[in-house]
Amino acid sequence: MKTEVRESPEEWVMHSKVKNRAYRIRVARPKQPEPLEGYPIIYVLDGNAYFQLFQDIVRIQSVRAEH
């Protein structure tokens, strides 16, 4: 099964009352329906710098896994 990552990730901002900072949260999910065991998860810290890179890595790895 080919795994395709949505081009537009979900995004929202969470505000920390303790740190008085805003944190942007981005989530990319496959286009396919969620399997019974759930999606695998990759957490990326400093997503501003690395989110797109990891999204591309998952896309490439899912294509390679099919061959």
PDB file of N, CA and C in Angstrom:
ATOM      1  N   MET A   1       0.843  -1.188   0.000  1.00  0.00           N
ATOM      2  CA  MET A   1       0.000   0.000   0.000  1.00  0.00           C
ATOM      3  C   MET A   1       0.882   1.243   0.000  1.00  0.00           C
ATOM      4  N   LYS A   2       0.617   2.138  -0.888  1.00  0.00           N
ATOM      5  CA  LYS A   2       1.372   3.376  -0.974  1.00  0.00           C
ATOM      6  C   LYS A   2       0.900   4.346   0.097  1.00  0.00           C
ATOM      7  N   THR A   3       1.849   4.907   0.838  1.00  0.00           N
ATOM      8  CA  THR A   3       1.523   5.886   1.859  1.00  0.00           C
ATOM      9  C   THR A   3       1.819   7.269   1.310  1.00  0.00           C
ATOM     10  N   GLU A   4       0.825   8.105   1.245  1.00  0.00           N
ATOM     11  CA  GLU A   4       1.011   9.471   0.791  1.00  0.00           C
ATOM     12  C   GLU A   4       0.724  10.402   1.957  1.00  0.00           C
ATOM     13  N   VAL A   5       1.628  11.343   2.161  1.00  0.00           N
ATOM     14  CA  VAL A   5       1.455  12.314   3.230  1.00  0.00           C
ATOM     15  C   VAL A   5       0.708  13.505   2.675  1.00  0.00           C
ATOM     16  N   ARG A   6      -0.234  14.004   3.430  1.00  0.00           N
ATOM     17  CA  ARG A   6      -0.994  15.184   2.993  1.00  0.00           C
ATOM     18  C   ARG A   6      -0.037  16.353   2.777  1.00  0.00           C
ATOM     19  N   GLU A   7      -0.289  17.105   1.732  1.00  0.00           N
ATOM     20  CA  GLU A   7       0.576  18.244   1.425  1.00  0.00           C
ATOM     21  C   GLU A   7       0.435  19.368   2.456  1.00  0.00           C
ATOM     22  N   SER A   8      -0.750  19.557   2.978  1.00  0.00           N
ATOM     23  CA  SER A   8      -0.985  20.625   3.950  1.00  0.00           C
ATOM     24  C   SER A   8      -1.170  20.020   5.334  1.00  0.00           C
ATOM     25  N   PRO A   9      -0.157  20.126   6.182  1.00  0.00           N
ATOM     26  CA  PRO A   9      -0.320  19.567   7.523  1.00  0.00           C
ATOM     27  C   PRO A   9      -1.316  20.400   8.341  1.00  0.00           C
ATOM     28  N   GLU A  10      -1.879  19.750   9.338  1.00  0.00           N
ATOM     29  CA  GLU A  10      -2.724  20.478  10.284  1.00  0.00           C
ATOM     30  C   GLU A  10      -1.791  21.326  11.141  1.00  0.00           C
ATOM     31  N   GLU A  11      -2.243  22.500  11.530  1.00  0.00           N
ATOM     32  CA  GLU A  11      -1.383  23.394  12.298  1.00  0.00           C
ATOM     33  C   GLU A  11      -2.213  24.212  13.276  1.00  0.00           C
ATOM     34  N   TRP A  12      -1.692  24.381  14.469  1.00  0.00           N
ATOM     35  CA  TRP A  12      -2.321  25.258  15.450  1.00  0.00           C
ATOM     36  C   TRP A  12      -1.262  25.757  16.420  1.00  0.00           C
ATOM     37  N   VAL A  13      -1.617  26.729  17.244  1.00  0.00           N
ATOM     38  CA  VAL A  13      -0.686  27.326  18.199  1.00  0.00           C
ATOM     39  C   VAL A  13      -1.181  27.040  19.600  1.00  0.00           C
ATOM     40  N   MET A  14      -0.247  26.583  20.448  1.00  0.00           N
ATOM     41  CA  MET A  14      -0.545  26.369  21.863  1.00  0.00           C
ATOM     42  C   MET A  14       0.262  27.393  22.663  1.00  0.00           C
ATOM     43  N   HIS A  15      -0.369  27.970  23.661  1.00  0.00           N
ATOM     44  CA  HIS A  15       0.315  28.977  24.475  1.00  0.00           C
ATOM     45  C   HIS A  15       0.625  28.400  25.850  1.00  0.00           C
ATOM     46  N   SER A  16       1.882  28.533  26.260  1.00  0.00           N
ATOM     47  CA  SER A  16       2.306  28.060  27.576  1.00  0.00           C
ATOM     48  C   SER A  16       2.167  29.185  28.585  1.00  0.00           C
ATOM     49  N   LYS A  17       1.350  28.962  29.605  1.00  0.00           N
ATOM     50  CA  LYS A  17       1.216  29.953  30.671  1.00  0.00           C
ATOM     51  C   LYS A  17       2.465  29.956  31.551  1.00  0.00           C
ATOM     52  N   VAL A  18       3.112  28.808  31.681  1.00  0.00           N
ATOM     53  CA  VAL A  18       4.309  28.695  32.516  1.00  0.00           C
ATOM     54  C   VAL A  18       5.486  29.432  31.875  1.00  0.00           C
ATOM     55  N   LYS A  19       5.725  29.188  30.593  1.00  0.00           N
ATOM     56  CA  LYS A  19       6.854  29.804  29.883  1.00  0.00           C
ATOM     57  C   LYS A  19       6.477  31.123  29.204  1.00  0.00           C
ATOM     58  N   ASN A  20       5.173  31.410  29.154  1.00  0.00           N
ATOM     59  CA  ASN A  20       4.669  32.594  28.465  1.00  0.00           C
ATOM     60  C   ASN A  20       5.182  32.650  27.018  1.00  0.00           C
ATOM     61  N   ARG A  21       5.060  31.497  26.343  1.00  0.00           N
ATOM     62  CA  ARG A  21       5.499  31.370  24.953  1.00  0.00           C
ATOM     63  C   ARG A  21       4.419  30.695  24.128  1.00  0.00           C
ATOM     64  N   ALA A  22       4.441  30.988  22.847  1.00  0.00           N
ATOM     65  CA  ALA A  22       3.537  30.315  21.919  1.00  0.00           C
ATOM     66  C   ALA A  22       4.332  29.237  21.189  1.00  0.00           C
ATOM     67  N   TYR A  23       3.715  28.067  21.022  1.00  0.00           N
ATOM     68  CA  TYR A  23       4.342  26.950  20.328  1.00  0.00           C
ATOM     69  C   TYR A  23       3.452  26.548  19.156  1.00  0.00           C
ATOM     70  N   ARG A  24       4.043  26.516  17.978  1.00  0.00           N
ATOM     71  CA  ARG A  24       3.301  26.099  16.787  1.00  0.00           C
ATOM     72  C   ARG A  24       3.372  24.571  16.703  1.00  0.00           C
ATOM     73  N   ILE A  25       2.231  23.929  16.601  1.00  0.00           N
ATOM     74  CA  ILE A  25       2.128  22.478  16.508  1.00  0.00           C
ATOM     75  C   ILE A  25       1.700  22.137  15.079  1.00  0.00           C
ATOM     76  N   ARG A  26       2.464  21.253  14.446  1.00  0.00           N
ATOM     77  CA  ARG A  26       2.138  20.835  13.075  1.00  0.00           C
ATOM     78  C   ARG A  26       2.034  19.316  13.056  1.00  0.00           C
ATOM     79  N   VAL A  27       1.004  18.814  12.392  1.00  0.00           N
ATOM     80  CA  VAL A  27       0.775  17.372  12.292  1.00  0.00           C
ATOM     81  C   VAL A  27       0.516  17.015  10.832  1.00  0.00           C
ATOM     82  N   ALA A  28       1.288  16.065  10.328  1.00  0.00           N
ATOM     83  CA  ALA A  28       1.070  15.550   8.972  1.00  0.00           C
ATOM     84  C   ALA A  28       0.576  14.117   9.102  1.00  0.00           C
ATOM     85  N   ARG A  29      -0.520  13.820   8.458  1.00  0.00           N
ATOM     86  CA  ARG A  29      -1.087  12.467   8.501  1.00  0.00           C
ATOM     87  C   ARG A  29      -1.170  11.914   7.088  1.00  0.00           C
ATOM     88  N   PRO A  30      -1.072  10.588   6.962  1.00  0.00           N
ATOM     89  CA  PRO A  30      -1.248   9.979   5.640  1.00  0.00           C
ATOM     90  C   PRO A  30      -2.656  10.228   5.111  1.00  0.00           C
ATOM     91  N   LYS A  31      -2.801  10.155   3.793  1.00  0.00           N
ATOM     92  CA  LYS A  31      -4.113  10.312   3.172  1.00  0.00           C
ATOM     93  C   LYS A  31      -4.982   9.080   3.392  1.00  0.00           C
ATOM     94  N   GLN A  32      -4.340   7.923   3.596  1.00  0.00           N
ATOM     95  CA  GLN A  32      -5.085   6.687   3.765  1.00  0.00           C
ATOM     96  C   GLN A  32      -5.782   6.670   5.131  1.00  0.00           C
ATOM     97  N   PRO A  33      -6.876   5.906   5.239  1.00  0.00           N
ATOM     98  CA  PRO A  33      -7.556   5.778   6.528  1.00  0.00           C
ATOM     99  C   PRO A  33      -6.626   5.167   7.574  1.00  0.00           C
ATOM    100  N   GLU A  34      -6.864   5.511   8.806  1.00  0.00           N
ATOM    101  CA  GLU A  34      -6.045   5.002   9.910  1.00  0.00           C
ATOM    102  C   GLU A  34      -6.198   3.488  10.035  1.00  0.00           C
ATOM    103  N   PRO A  35      -5.080   2.731  10.117  1.00  0.00           N
ATOM    104  CA  PRO A  35      -5.175   1.285  10.309  1.00  0.00           C
ATOM    105  C   PRO A  35      -5.654   0.967  11.729  1.00  0.00           C
ATOM    106  N   LEU A  36      -6.109  -0.252  11.948  1.00  0.00           N
ATOM    107  CA  LEU A  36      -6.625  -0.644  13.262  1.00  0.00           C
ATOM    108  C   LEU A  36      -5.627  -0.396  14.376  1.00  0.00           C
ATOM    109  N   GLU A  37      -4.334  -0.635  14.094  1.00  0.00           N
ATOM    110  CA  GLU A  37      -3.313  -0.452  15.136  1.00  0.00           C
ATOM    111  C   GLU A  37      -2.866   1.007  15.262  1.00  0.00           C
ATOM    112  N   GLY A  38      -3.416   1.879  14.432  1.00  0.00           N
ATOM    113  CA  GLY A  38      -3.072   3.301  14.471  1.00  0.00           C
ATOM    114  C   GLY A  38      -1.892   3.618  13.572  1.00  0.00           C
ATOM    115  N   TYR A  39      -1.667   4.904  13.354  1.00  0.00           N
ATOM    116  CA  TYR A  39      -0.541   5.337  12.543  1.00  0.00           C
ATOM    117  C   TYR A  39       0.744   5.244  13.362  1.00  0.00           C
ATOM    118  N   PRO A  40       1.886   4.969  12.728  1.00  0.00           N
ATOM    119  CA  PRO A  40       3.164   5.144  13.425  1.00  0.00           C
ATOM    120  C   PRO A  40       3.368   6.640  13.676  1.00  0.00           C
ATOM    121  N   ILE A  41       4.125   6.969  14.696  1.00  0.00           N
ATOM    122  CA  ILE A  41       4.314   8.380  15.057  1.00  0.00           C
ATOM    123  C   ILE A  41       5.790   8.724  15.062  1.00  0.00           C
ATOM    124  N   ILE A  42       6.112   9.882  14.504  1.00  0.00           N
ATOM    125  CA  ILE A  42       7.451  10.447  14.590  1.00  0.00           C
ATOM    126  C   ILE A  42       7.290  11.833  15.200  1.00  0.00           C
ATOM    127  N   TYR A  43       7.964  12.066  16.319  1.00  0.00           N
ATOM    128  CA  TYR A  43       7.952  13.381  16.948  1.00  0.00           C
ATOM    129  C   TYR A  43       9.203  14.126  16.499  1.00  0.00           C
ATOM    130  N   VAL A  44       9.037  15.360  16.051  1.00  0.00           N
ATOM    131  CA  VAL A  44      10.168  16.170  15.594  1.00  0.00           C
ATOM    132  C   VAL A  44      10.233  17.425  16.449  1.00  0.00           C
ATOM    133  N   LEU A  45      11.325  17.568  17.169  1.00  0.00           N
ATOM    134  CA  LEU A  45      11.545  18.795  17.926  1.00  0.00           C
ATOM    135  C   LEU A  45      12.173  19.819  16.988  1.00  0.00           C
ATOM    136  N   ASP A  46      11.894  21.065  17.208  1.00  0.00           N
ATOM    137  CA  ASP A  46      12.318  22.147  16.318  1.00  0.00           C
ATOM    138  C   ASP A  46      11.735  21.937  14.930  1.00  0.00           C
ATOM    139  N   GLY A  47      10.438  21.748  14.905  1.00  0.00           N
ATOM    140  CA  GLY A  47       9.737  21.527  13.650  1.00  0.00           C
ATOM    141  C   GLY A  47       9.853  22.684  12.673  1.00  0.00           C
ATOM    142  N   ASN A  48      10.103  23.899  13.170  1.00  0.00           N
ATOM    143  CA  ASN A  48      10.293  25.022  12.254  1.00  0.00           C
ATOM    144  C   ASN A  48      11.450  24.738  11.299  1.00  0.00           C
ATOM    145  N   ALA A  49      12.475  24.065  11.803  1.00  0.00           N
ATOM    146  CA  ALA A  49      13.654  23.774  10.980  1.00  0.00           C
ATOM    147  C   ALA A  49      13.538  22.438  10.263  1.00  0.00           C
ATOM    148  N   TYR A  50      12.881  21.437  10.862  1.00  0.00           N
ATOM    149  CA  TYR A  50      12.973  20.070  10.360  1.00  0.00           C
ATOM    150  C   TYR A  50      11.671  19.426   9.909  1.00  0.00           C
ATOM    151  N   PHE A  51      10.540  20.062  10.109  1.00  0.00           N
ATOM    152  CA  PHE A  51       9.260  19.417   9.803  1.00  0.00           C
ATOM    153  C   PHE A  51       9.181  18.977   8.343  1.00  0.00           C
ATOM    154  N   GLN A  52       9.478  19.879   7.422  1.00  0.00           N
ATOM    155  CA  GLN A  52       9.383  19.550   5.995  1.00  0.00           C
ATOM    156  C   GLN A  52      10.358  18.430   5.628  1.00  0.00           C
ATOM    157  N   LEU A  53      11.556  18.456   6.184  1.00  0.00           N
ATOM    158  CA  LEU A  53      12.541  17.411   5.918  1.00  0.00           C
ATOM    159  C   LEU A  53      12.002  16.045   6.328  1.00  0.00           C
ATOM    160  N   PHE A  54      11.452  15.944   7.531  1.00  0.00           N
ATOM    161  CA  PHE A  54      10.926  14.659   7.990  1.00  0.00           C
ATOM    162  C   PHE A  54       9.690  14.235   7.210  1.00  0.00           C
ATOM    163  N   GLN A  55       8.881  15.171   6.813  1.00  0.00           N
ATOM    164  CA  GLN A  55       7.721  14.851   5.992  1.00  0.00           C
ATOM    165  C   GLN A  55       8.182  14.243   4.655  1.00  0.00           C
ATOM    166  N   ASP A  56       9.228  14.810   4.070  1.00  0.00           N
ATOM    167  CA  ASP A  56       9.773  14.267   2.820  1.00  0.00           C
ATOM    168  C   ASP A  56      10.412  12.895   3.038  1.00  0.00           C
ATOM    169  N   ILE A  57      11.115  12.715   4.148  1.00  0.00           N
ATOM    170  CA  ILE A  57      11.741  11.428   4.449  1.00  0.00           C
ATOM    171  C   ILE A  57      10.688  10.334   4.555  1.00  0.00           C
ATOM    172  N   VAL A  58       9.602  10.600   5.249  1.00  0.00           N
ATOM    173  CA  VAL A  58       8.533   9.603   5.393  1.00  0.00           C
ATOM    174  C   VAL A  58       7.935   9.278   4.029  1.00  0.00           C
ATOM    175  N   ARG A  59       7.727  10.275   3.202  1.00  0.00           N
ATOM    176  CA  ARG A  59       7.171  10.057   1.863  1.00  0.00           C
ATOM    177  C   ARG A  59       8.112   9.164   1.040  1.00  0.00           C
ATOM    178  N   ILE A  60       9.410   9.458   1.064  1.00  0.00           N
ATOM    179  CA  ILE A  60      10.384   8.671   0.298  1.00  0.00           C
ATOM    180  C   ILE A  60      10.488   7.252   0.834  1.00  0.00           C
ATOM    181  N   GLN A  61      10.538   7.091   2.145  1.00  0.00           N
ATOM    182  CA  GLN A  61      10.645   5.765   2.742  1.00  0.00           C
ATOM    183  C   GLN A  61       9.414   4.917   2.446  1.00  0.00           C
ATOM    184  N   SER A  62       8.264   5.517   2.420  1.00  0.00           N
ATOM    185  CA  SER A  62       7.042   4.733   2.149  1.00  0.00           C
ATOM    186  C   SER A  62       7.025   4.257   0.702  1.00  0.00           C
ATOM    187  N   VAL A  63       7.569   5.026  -0.217  1.00  0.00           N
ATOM    188  CA  VAL A  63       7.645   4.596  -1.612  1.00  0.00           C
ATOM    189  C   VAL A  63       8.660   3.470  -1.751  1.00  0.00           C
ATOM    190  N   ARG A  64       9.781   3.573  -1.100  1.00  0.00           N
ATOM    191  CA  ARG A  64      10.817   2.539  -1.169  1.00  0.00           C
ATOM    192  C   ARG A  64      10.336   1.234  -0.541  1.00  0.00           C
ATOM    193  N   ALA A  65       9.521   1.298   0.491  1.00  0.00           N
ATOM    194  CA  ALA A  65       9.033   0.102   1.176  1.00  0.00           C
ATOM    195  C   ALA A  65       8.133  -0.731   0.270  1.00  0.00           C
ATOM    196  N   GLU A  66       7.530  -0.104  -0.710  1.00  0.00           N
ATOM    197  CA  GLU A  66       6.598  -0.810  -1.603  1.00  0.00           C
ATOM    198  C   GLU A  66       7.333  -1.617  -2.669  1.00  0.00           C
ATOM    199  N   HIS A  67       8.587  -1.308  -2.937  1.00  0.00           N
ATOM    200  CA  HIS A  67       9.325  -1.971  -4.014  1.00  0.00           C
ATOM    201  C   HIS A  67      10.138  -3.128  -3.489  1.00  0.00           C
TER     202      HIS A  67
END
